N, C-alpha and C. Protein backbone atom coordinates (compact mmCIF):
# COMPACT_ATOMS: atom_id res chain seq x y z
N MET A 1 15.37 5.31 -3.39
CA MET A 1 15.78 4.70 -2.16
C MET A 1 15.17 3.30 -2.10
N VAL A 2 15.90 2.36 -1.53
CA VAL A 2 15.42 0.98 -1.38
C VAL A 2 15.51 0.60 0.09
N ARG A 3 14.40 0.07 0.62
CA ARG A 3 14.36 -0.38 2.01
C ARG A 3 13.86 -1.80 2.06
N GLN A 4 14.38 -2.59 2.98
CA GLN A 4 13.95 -3.97 3.18
C GLN A 4 12.90 -4.00 4.28
N ILE A 5 11.76 -4.66 4.00
CA ILE A 5 10.70 -4.76 4.99
C ILE A 5 10.19 -6.19 5.08
N ARG A 6 9.45 -6.46 6.12
CA ARG A 6 8.68 -7.71 6.25
C ARG A 6 7.24 -7.33 6.50
N LEU A 7 6.35 -7.98 5.77
CA LEU A 7 4.91 -7.76 5.92
C LEU A 7 4.24 -9.04 6.37
N THR A 8 3.11 -8.90 7.04
CA THR A 8 2.23 -10.04 7.30
C THR A 8 0.95 -9.79 6.53
N GLN A 9 0.14 -10.81 6.40
CA GLN A 9 -1.12 -10.66 5.68
C GLN A 9 -2.00 -9.62 6.33
N ASP A 10 -1.93 -9.50 7.64
CA ASP A 10 -2.76 -8.53 8.37
C ASP A 10 -2.32 -7.09 8.12
N GLN A 11 -1.08 -6.88 7.73
CA GLN A 11 -0.55 -5.54 7.53
C GLN A 11 -0.73 -5.01 6.10
N VAL A 12 -1.15 -5.86 5.19
CA VAL A 12 -1.23 -5.47 3.78
C VAL A 12 -2.22 -4.33 3.56
N GLN A 13 -3.39 -4.39 4.16
CA GLN A 13 -4.38 -3.35 3.94
C GLN A 13 -3.87 -1.98 4.39
N LYS A 14 -3.25 -1.91 5.55
CA LYS A 14 -2.71 -0.63 6.04
C LYS A 14 -1.57 -0.16 5.14
N PHE A 15 -0.69 -1.09 4.73
CA PHE A 15 0.42 -0.74 3.86
C PHE A 15 -0.08 -0.13 2.55
N VAL A 16 -1.03 -0.79 1.90
CA VAL A 16 -1.56 -0.29 0.62
C VAL A 16 -2.30 1.03 0.83
N SER A 17 -3.01 1.16 1.93
CA SER A 17 -3.71 2.41 2.22
C SER A 17 -2.74 3.59 2.34
N VAL A 18 -1.63 3.38 3.03
CA VAL A 18 -0.63 4.44 3.20
C VAL A 18 0.08 4.73 1.87
N THR A 19 0.46 3.70 1.14
CA THR A 19 1.17 3.93 -0.13
C THR A 19 0.28 4.62 -1.15
N SER A 20 -1.01 4.36 -1.10
CA SER A 20 -1.94 4.99 -2.06
C SER A 20 -2.03 6.49 -1.87
N LYS A 21 -1.70 6.99 -0.70
CA LYS A 21 -1.72 8.43 -0.43
C LYS A 21 -0.49 9.15 -0.96
N CYS A 22 0.54 8.40 -1.34
CA CYS A 22 1.79 8.99 -1.82
C CYS A 22 1.66 9.39 -3.29
N ASP A 23 2.25 10.52 -3.65
CA ASP A 23 2.15 11.01 -5.03
C ASP A 23 3.36 10.63 -5.87
N PHE A 24 4.04 9.55 -5.50
CA PHE A 24 5.19 9.04 -6.25
C PHE A 24 5.05 7.53 -6.38
N ASP A 25 5.79 6.95 -7.32
CA ASP A 25 5.72 5.51 -7.56
C ASP A 25 6.45 4.75 -6.46
N ILE A 26 5.86 3.62 -6.07
CA ILE A 26 6.46 2.75 -5.08
C ILE A 26 6.35 1.33 -5.62
N ASP A 27 7.47 0.64 -5.71
CA ASP A 27 7.50 -0.73 -6.21
C ASP A 27 8.04 -1.66 -5.14
N ILE A 28 7.57 -2.90 -5.16
CA ILE A 28 8.10 -3.94 -4.28
C ILE A 28 8.77 -4.98 -5.16
N TYR A 29 10.01 -5.29 -4.83
CA TYR A 29 10.77 -6.30 -5.56
C TYR A 29 10.85 -7.56 -4.73
N TYR A 30 10.50 -8.68 -5.35
CA TYR A 30 10.62 -9.97 -4.70
C TYR A 30 11.07 -10.97 -5.76
N ASN A 31 12.26 -11.53 -5.56
CA ASN A 31 12.88 -12.40 -6.57
C ASN A 31 12.89 -11.68 -7.91
N ARG A 32 12.23 -12.22 -8.91
CA ARG A 32 12.23 -11.57 -10.22
C ARG A 32 10.94 -10.80 -10.49
N TYR A 33 10.09 -10.67 -9.48
CA TYR A 33 8.82 -9.98 -9.62
C TYR A 33 8.92 -8.53 -9.14
N ILE A 34 8.20 -7.67 -9.84
CA ILE A 34 8.06 -6.27 -9.42
C ILE A 34 6.56 -6.01 -9.32
N VAL A 35 6.14 -5.52 -8.15
CA VAL A 35 4.73 -5.29 -7.89
C VAL A 35 4.52 -3.84 -7.51
N ASP A 36 3.45 -3.25 -8.00
CA ASP A 36 3.07 -1.89 -7.62
C ASP A 36 2.59 -1.95 -6.17
N ALA A 37 3.23 -1.19 -5.29
CA ALA A 37 2.90 -1.22 -3.86
C ALA A 37 1.53 -0.63 -3.56
N LYS A 38 0.91 0.01 -4.54
CA LYS A 38 -0.41 0.58 -4.34
C LYS A 38 -1.52 -0.38 -4.75
N SER A 39 -1.14 -1.58 -5.19
CA SER A 39 -2.08 -2.60 -5.62
C SER A 39 -2.30 -3.63 -4.52
N PHE A 40 -3.51 -3.67 -3.97
CA PHE A 40 -3.79 -4.61 -2.89
C PHE A 40 -3.57 -6.05 -3.34
N LEU A 41 -4.12 -6.42 -4.49
CA LEU A 41 -3.98 -7.80 -4.97
C LEU A 41 -2.53 -8.14 -5.28
N GLY A 42 -1.79 -7.19 -5.83
CA GLY A 42 -0.38 -7.42 -6.13
C GLY A 42 0.42 -7.68 -4.87
N VAL A 43 0.23 -6.86 -3.86
CA VAL A 43 0.98 -7.00 -2.61
C VAL A 43 0.53 -8.25 -1.87
N TYR A 44 -0.77 -8.50 -1.83
CA TYR A 44 -1.30 -9.64 -1.10
C TYR A 44 -0.83 -10.97 -1.70
N GLY A 45 -0.49 -10.97 -2.97
CA GLY A 45 -0.05 -12.19 -3.64
C GLY A 45 1.41 -12.53 -3.41
N LEU A 46 2.15 -11.70 -2.67
CA LEU A 46 3.57 -11.96 -2.42
C LEU A 46 3.78 -12.99 -1.32
N ASP A 47 4.97 -13.53 -1.27
CA ASP A 47 5.37 -14.48 -0.22
C ASP A 47 5.84 -13.69 0.99
N PHE A 48 5.10 -13.76 2.08
CA PHE A 48 5.41 -12.96 3.27
C PHE A 48 6.45 -13.60 4.17
N SER A 49 6.93 -14.77 3.80
CA SER A 49 7.95 -15.42 4.64
C SER A 49 9.35 -14.86 4.37
N LYS A 50 9.49 -14.04 3.35
CA LYS A 50 10.78 -13.46 2.97
C LYS A 50 10.74 -11.93 3.09
N ALA A 51 11.92 -11.35 3.18
CA ALA A 51 12.01 -9.88 3.18
C ALA A 51 11.70 -9.36 1.79
N LEU A 52 11.06 -8.20 1.73
CA LEU A 52 10.69 -7.56 0.47
C LEU A 52 11.46 -6.26 0.33
N ALA A 53 11.87 -5.93 -0.88
CA ALA A 53 12.59 -4.68 -1.14
C ALA A 53 11.59 -3.66 -1.68
N VAL A 54 11.48 -2.52 -1.00
CA VAL A 54 10.58 -1.45 -1.41
C VAL A 54 11.42 -0.34 -2.03
N SER A 55 11.12 0.00 -3.28
CA SER A 55 11.86 1.03 -3.99
C SER A 55 10.95 2.23 -4.25
N TYR A 56 11.45 3.42 -3.94
CA TYR A 56 10.66 4.64 -4.14
C TYR A 56 11.59 5.84 -4.25
N GLU A 57 11.07 6.91 -4.83
CA GLU A 57 11.84 8.14 -4.98
C GLU A 57 10.94 9.32 -4.66
N GLY A 58 10.66 9.49 -3.40
CA GLY A 58 9.81 10.58 -2.95
C GLY A 58 9.80 10.57 -1.44
N TYR A 59 9.02 11.47 -0.85
CA TYR A 59 8.97 11.54 0.60
C TYR A 59 7.54 11.78 1.07
N ASN A 60 7.13 10.98 2.05
CA ASN A 60 5.86 11.14 2.74
C ASN A 60 6.10 10.66 4.17
N GLN A 61 5.84 11.50 5.15
CA GLN A 61 6.17 11.18 6.54
C GLN A 61 5.44 9.93 7.03
N GLU A 62 4.16 9.81 6.72
CA GLU A 62 3.40 8.63 7.15
C GLU A 62 4.00 7.35 6.55
N PHE A 63 4.38 7.42 5.28
CA PHE A 63 5.00 6.28 4.61
C PHE A 63 6.34 5.93 5.25
N GLU A 64 7.15 6.93 5.54
CA GLU A 64 8.45 6.70 6.19
C GLU A 64 8.27 6.06 7.57
N ASP A 65 7.28 6.52 8.32
CA ASP A 65 7.01 5.94 9.64
C ASP A 65 6.60 4.48 9.52
N LEU A 66 5.76 4.19 8.53
CA LEU A 66 5.33 2.81 8.31
C LEU A 66 6.52 1.93 7.93
N LEU A 67 7.37 2.40 7.01
CA LEU A 67 8.53 1.62 6.62
C LEU A 67 9.44 1.37 7.82
N GLY A 68 9.60 2.36 8.68
CA GLY A 68 10.42 2.20 9.87
C GLY A 68 9.88 1.11 10.78
N SER A 69 8.56 1.00 10.89
CA SER A 69 7.98 -0.03 11.74
C SER A 69 8.05 -1.43 11.12
N LEU A 70 8.21 -1.49 9.79
CA LEU A 70 8.27 -2.78 9.09
C LEU A 70 9.69 -3.18 8.68
N ALA A 71 10.65 -2.33 8.99
CA ALA A 71 12.03 -2.53 8.51
C ALA A 71 12.65 -3.81 9.03
N VAL A 72 13.49 -4.39 8.19
CA VAL A 72 14.26 -5.59 8.54
C VAL A 72 15.65 -5.12 8.96
N ALA A 73 16.12 -5.62 10.08
CA ALA A 73 17.47 -5.26 10.53
C ALA A 73 18.48 -5.90 9.59
N CYS A 74 19.45 -5.12 9.15
CA CYS A 74 20.47 -5.61 8.22
C CYS A 74 21.66 -6.15 8.96
């Protein structure tokens, strides 16, 4: 599944904390870069002025709730 989100620098720590609890891979796509969503430095190094695509294939309720709060309206 792929979801579009927007992050701020202040939200990175919570985002990485929640993704680290998931037992499946989560990637963030930005332009031609792919970053492991469980990597604080990787996520923090992204450009937060643009929408980010989060790709994952698993389910975790806390993660889904977080994505819902960060979702970009299409």
